[in-house]
């Protein structure tokens, strides 16, 4: 569903950095997985094919916020 978005804030040596992974087209979703000290955020299609993946060290993550799409409509990240 378009509108799925995950925001990740990491500690980059004293300065926090923010990254976003957004489902760019209708029918895609964003999955979050924890594997061996890594947080993996992946945008996947309806069939489960990964489109793009971001990996972060779990020890560096300050915050991870998932924004699901609104019911029946796409969420606007600017509102």
N, C-alpha and C. Protein backbone atom coordinates (compact mmCIF):
# COMPACT_ATOMS: atom_id res chain seq x y z
N UNK A 1 0.83 -1.17 0.00
CA UNK A 1 0.00 0.00 0.00
C UNK A 1 0.88 1.23 0.00
N UNK A 2 0.58 2.14 -0.85
CA UNK A 2 1.37 3.35 -0.93
C UNK A 2 1.15 4.17 0.33
N UNK A 3 2.20 4.69 0.88
CA UNK A 3 2.10 5.45 2.10
C UNK A 3 2.83 4.80 3.25
N UNK A 4 3.21 3.53 3.12
CA UNK A 4 4.03 2.90 4.15
C UNK A 4 5.38 3.61 4.17
N UNK A 5 5.84 3.91 5.39
CA UNK A 5 7.07 4.65 5.52
C UNK A 5 7.73 4.26 6.83
N UNK A 6 9.06 4.15 6.83
CA UNK A 6 9.82 3.87 8.04
C UNK A 6 10.89 4.94 8.15
N UNK A 7 10.98 5.54 9.33
CA UNK A 7 11.97 6.57 9.60
C UNK A 7 12.96 6.00 10.61
N UNK A 8 14.27 6.11 10.30
CA UNK A 8 15.32 5.56 11.15
C UNK A 8 16.24 6.70 11.54
N UNK A 9 16.50 6.85 12.85
CA UNK A 9 17.44 7.85 13.35
C UNK A 9 18.62 7.09 13.93
N UNK A 10 19.82 7.40 13.43
CA UNK A 10 21.02 6.71 13.91
C UNK A 10 22.01 7.70 14.49
N UNK A 11 22.89 7.19 15.34
CA UNK A 11 23.97 7.97 15.92
C UNK A 11 25.16 7.86 14.98
N UNK A 12 25.52 8.97 14.35
CA UNK A 12 26.63 8.97 13.39
C UNK A 12 27.83 9.70 14.00
N UNK A 13 28.33 9.20 15.10
CA UNK A 13 29.50 9.82 15.71
C UNK A 13 29.20 11.13 16.39
N UNK A 14 28.13 11.19 17.17
CA UNK A 14 27.79 12.41 17.89
C UNK A 14 26.68 13.21 17.24
N UNK A 15 26.48 13.03 15.96
CA UNK A 15 25.43 13.75 15.25
C UNK A 15 24.38 12.75 14.77
N UNK A 16 23.13 12.95 15.17
CA UNK A 16 22.09 12.02 14.68
C UNK A 16 21.77 12.27 13.21
N UNK A 17 21.56 11.19 12.47
CA UNK A 17 21.16 11.27 11.06
C UNK A 17 19.84 10.55 10.90
N UNK A 18 19.00 11.08 10.01
CA UNK A 18 17.68 10.50 9.78
C UNK A 18 17.60 9.96 8.36
N UNK A 19 17.09 8.74 8.25
CA UNK A 19 16.88 8.10 6.95
C UNK A 19 15.42 7.68 6.87
N UNK A 20 14.86 7.69 5.66
CA UNK A 20 13.49 7.24 5.44
C UNK A 20 13.47 6.24 4.30
N UNK A 21 12.70 5.18 4.49
CA UNK A 21 12.43 4.23 3.42
C UNK A 21 10.93 4.29 3.19
N UNK A 22 10.53 4.62 1.96
CA UNK A 22 9.12 4.85 1.64
C UNK A 22 8.70 3.92 0.52
N UNK A 23 7.48 3.35 0.65
CA UNK A 23 6.90 2.55 -0.43
C UNK A 23 6.55 3.52 -1.55
N UNK A 24 7.26 3.44 -2.67
CA UNK A 24 7.17 4.45 -3.71
C UNK A 24 6.00 4.27 -4.67
N UNK A 25 5.44 3.08 -4.76
CA UNK A 25 4.34 2.84 -5.69
C UNK A 25 3.23 2.09 -4.97
N UNK A 26 2.02 2.17 -5.53
CA UNK A 26 0.89 1.45 -4.96
C UNK A 26 1.15 -0.05 -4.99
N UNK A 27 0.78 -0.74 -3.94
CA UNK A 27 0.97 -2.18 -3.87
C UNK A 27 2.26 -2.60 -3.21
N UNK A 28 3.16 -1.66 -2.97
CA UNK A 28 4.41 -2.00 -2.29
C UNK A 28 4.26 -1.77 -0.79
N UNK A 29 5.13 -2.42 -0.03
CA UNK A 29 5.13 -2.25 1.41
C UNK A 29 6.57 -2.19 1.91
N UNK A 30 6.73 -1.80 3.15
CA UNK A 30 8.05 -1.72 3.76
C UNK A 30 8.09 -2.71 4.92
N UNK A 31 9.07 -3.61 4.89
CA UNK A 31 9.24 -4.61 5.94
C UNK A 31 10.48 -4.29 6.76
N UNK A 32 10.40 -4.57 8.07
CA UNK A 32 11.53 -4.36 8.98
C UNK A 32 11.89 -5.71 9.59
N UNK A 33 13.18 -6.06 9.55
CA UNK A 33 13.65 -7.33 10.11
C UNK A 33 14.92 -7.09 10.92
N UNK A 34 15.07 -7.85 12.01
CA UNK A 34 16.27 -7.79 12.83
C UNK A 34 17.05 -9.08 12.62
N UNK A 35 18.30 -8.93 12.20
CA UNK A 35 19.13 -10.10 11.90
C UNK A 35 20.55 -9.88 12.40
N UNK A 36 20.99 -10.68 13.37
CA UNK A 36 22.38 -10.68 13.84
C UNK A 36 22.95 -9.29 14.10
N UNK A 37 22.25 -8.49 14.86
CA UNK A 37 22.76 -7.17 15.19
C UNK A 37 22.53 -6.12 14.13
N UNK A 38 21.80 -6.47 13.07
CA UNK A 38 21.48 -5.54 12.01
C UNK A 38 19.97 -5.35 11.92
N UNK A 39 19.56 -4.14 11.62
CA UNK A 39 18.17 -3.85 11.31
C UNK A 39 18.10 -3.68 9.81
N UNK A 40 17.25 -4.45 9.16
CA UNK A 40 17.12 -4.41 7.71
C UNK A 40 15.73 -3.91 7.35
N UNK A 41 15.69 -2.81 6.59
CA UNK A 41 14.43 -2.21 6.16
C UNK A 41 14.35 -2.39 4.65
N UNK A 42 13.30 -3.08 4.17
CA UNK A 42 13.21 -3.45 2.76
C UNK A 42 11.88 -3.02 2.17
N UNK A 43 11.93 -2.40 1.01
CA UNK A 43 10.72 -2.10 0.24
C UNK A 43 10.48 -3.29 -0.67
N UNK A 44 9.29 -3.92 -0.56
CA UNK A 44 8.99 -5.10 -1.36
C UNK A 44 7.71 -4.91 -2.16
N UNK A 45 7.63 -5.64 -3.28
CA UNK A 45 6.45 -5.59 -4.14
C UNK A 45 5.37 -6.53 -3.60
N UNK A 46 4.24 -6.58 -4.28
CA UNK A 46 3.14 -7.47 -3.87
C UNK A 46 3.56 -8.93 -3.85
N UNK A 47 4.43 -9.30 -4.77
CA UNK A 47 4.87 -10.70 -4.87
C UNK A 47 6.01 -11.03 -3.90
N UNK A 48 6.52 -10.04 -3.17
CA UNK A 48 7.58 -10.27 -2.20
C UNK A 48 8.98 -10.04 -2.73
N UNK A 49 9.10 -9.51 -3.95
CA UNK A 49 10.41 -9.22 -4.53
C UNK A 49 10.97 -7.94 -3.91
N UNK A 50 12.16 -7.99 -3.31
CA UNK A 50 12.73 -6.77 -2.74
C UNK A 50 13.14 -5.77 -3.82
N UNK A 51 12.78 -4.51 -3.61
CA UNK A 51 13.12 -3.45 -4.55
C UNK A 51 14.39 -2.75 -4.10
N UNK A 52 14.43 -2.38 -2.82
CA UNK A 52 15.64 -1.78 -2.26
C UNK A 52 15.69 -2.10 -0.78
N UNK A 53 16.90 -2.12 -0.24
CA UNK A 53 17.13 -2.52 1.14
C UNK A 53 18.10 -1.56 1.79
N UNK A 54 17.82 -1.22 3.05
CA UNK A 54 18.74 -0.40 3.85
C UNK A 54 19.08 -1.22 5.09
N UNK A 55 20.37 -1.25 5.46
CA UNK A 55 20.81 -2.00 6.63
C UNK A 55 21.51 -1.05 7.60
N UNK A 56 21.19 -1.22 8.88
CA UNK A 56 21.77 -0.38 9.91
C UNK A 56 22.22 -1.25 11.07
N UNK A 57 23.32 -0.88 11.74
CA UNK A 57 23.76 -1.59 12.93
C UNK A 57 22.78 -1.28 14.06
N UNK A 58 22.30 -2.32 14.73
CA UNK A 58 21.30 -2.14 15.79
C UNK A 58 21.85 -1.30 16.94
N UNK A 59 23.13 -1.37 17.21
CA UNK A 59 23.72 -0.62 18.31
C UNK A 59 23.76 0.89 18.03
N UNK A 60 23.64 1.28 16.77
CA UNK A 60 23.68 2.70 16.40
C UNK A 60 22.31 3.35 16.27
N UNK A 61 21.25 2.56 16.31
CA UNK A 61 19.91 3.10 16.09
C UNK A 61 19.40 3.76 17.37
N UNK A 62 18.98 5.04 17.23
CA UNK A 62 18.38 5.78 18.33
C UNK A 62 16.87 5.64 18.32
N UNK A 63 16.27 5.63 17.12
CA UNK A 63 14.81 5.51 16.99
C UNK A 63 14.47 4.88 15.65
N UNK A 64 13.41 4.09 15.65
CA UNK A 64 12.89 3.49 14.43
C UNK A 64 11.37 3.63 14.51
N UNK A 65 10.80 4.43 13.60
CA UNK A 65 9.37 4.73 13.64
C UNK A 65 8.73 4.23 12.36
N UNK A 66 7.68 3.42 12.50
CA UNK A 66 6.95 2.91 11.34
C UNK A 66 5.65 3.70 11.20
N UNK A 67 5.40 4.23 10.00
CA UNK A 67 4.19 4.96 9.69
C UNK A 67 3.37 4.14 8.70
N UNK A 68 2.32 3.47 9.13
CA UNK A 68 1.49 2.70 8.19
C UNK A 68 0.65 3.63 7.33
N UNK A 69 0.20 3.14 6.19
CA UNK A 69 -0.67 3.92 5.32
C UNK A 69 -2.01 4.10 6.00
N UNK A 70 -2.66 5.22 5.71
CA UNK A 70 -3.99 5.47 6.26
C UNK A 70 -4.97 4.49 5.63
N UNK A 71 -6.04 4.17 6.32
CA UNK A 71 -7.04 3.23 5.81
C UNK A 71 -7.72 3.77 4.56
N UNK A 72 -7.53 3.09 3.45
CA UNK A 72 -8.22 3.43 2.22
C UNK A 72 -7.63 4.56 1.41
N UNK A 73 -6.60 5.22 1.93
CA UNK A 73 -5.99 6.31 1.18
C UNK A 73 -4.51 6.37 1.49
N UNK A 74 -3.75 7.00 0.63
CA UNK A 74 -2.31 7.11 0.82
C UNK A 74 -2.04 8.20 1.84
N UNK A 75 -1.07 7.95 2.73
CA UNK A 75 -0.71 8.94 3.73
C UNK A 75 0.24 9.94 3.12
N UNK A 76 0.10 11.19 3.51
CA UNK A 76 0.97 12.25 3.03
C UNK A 76 2.03 12.53 4.08
N UNK A 77 3.32 12.26 3.82
CA UNK A 77 4.34 12.44 4.84
C UNK A 77 4.55 13.90 5.26
N UNK A 78 4.04 14.86 4.49
CA UNK A 78 4.23 16.27 4.82
C UNK A 78 3.20 16.78 5.81
N UNK A 79 2.13 16.04 6.05
CA UNK A 79 1.09 16.51 6.97
C UNK A 79 1.34 16.07 8.38
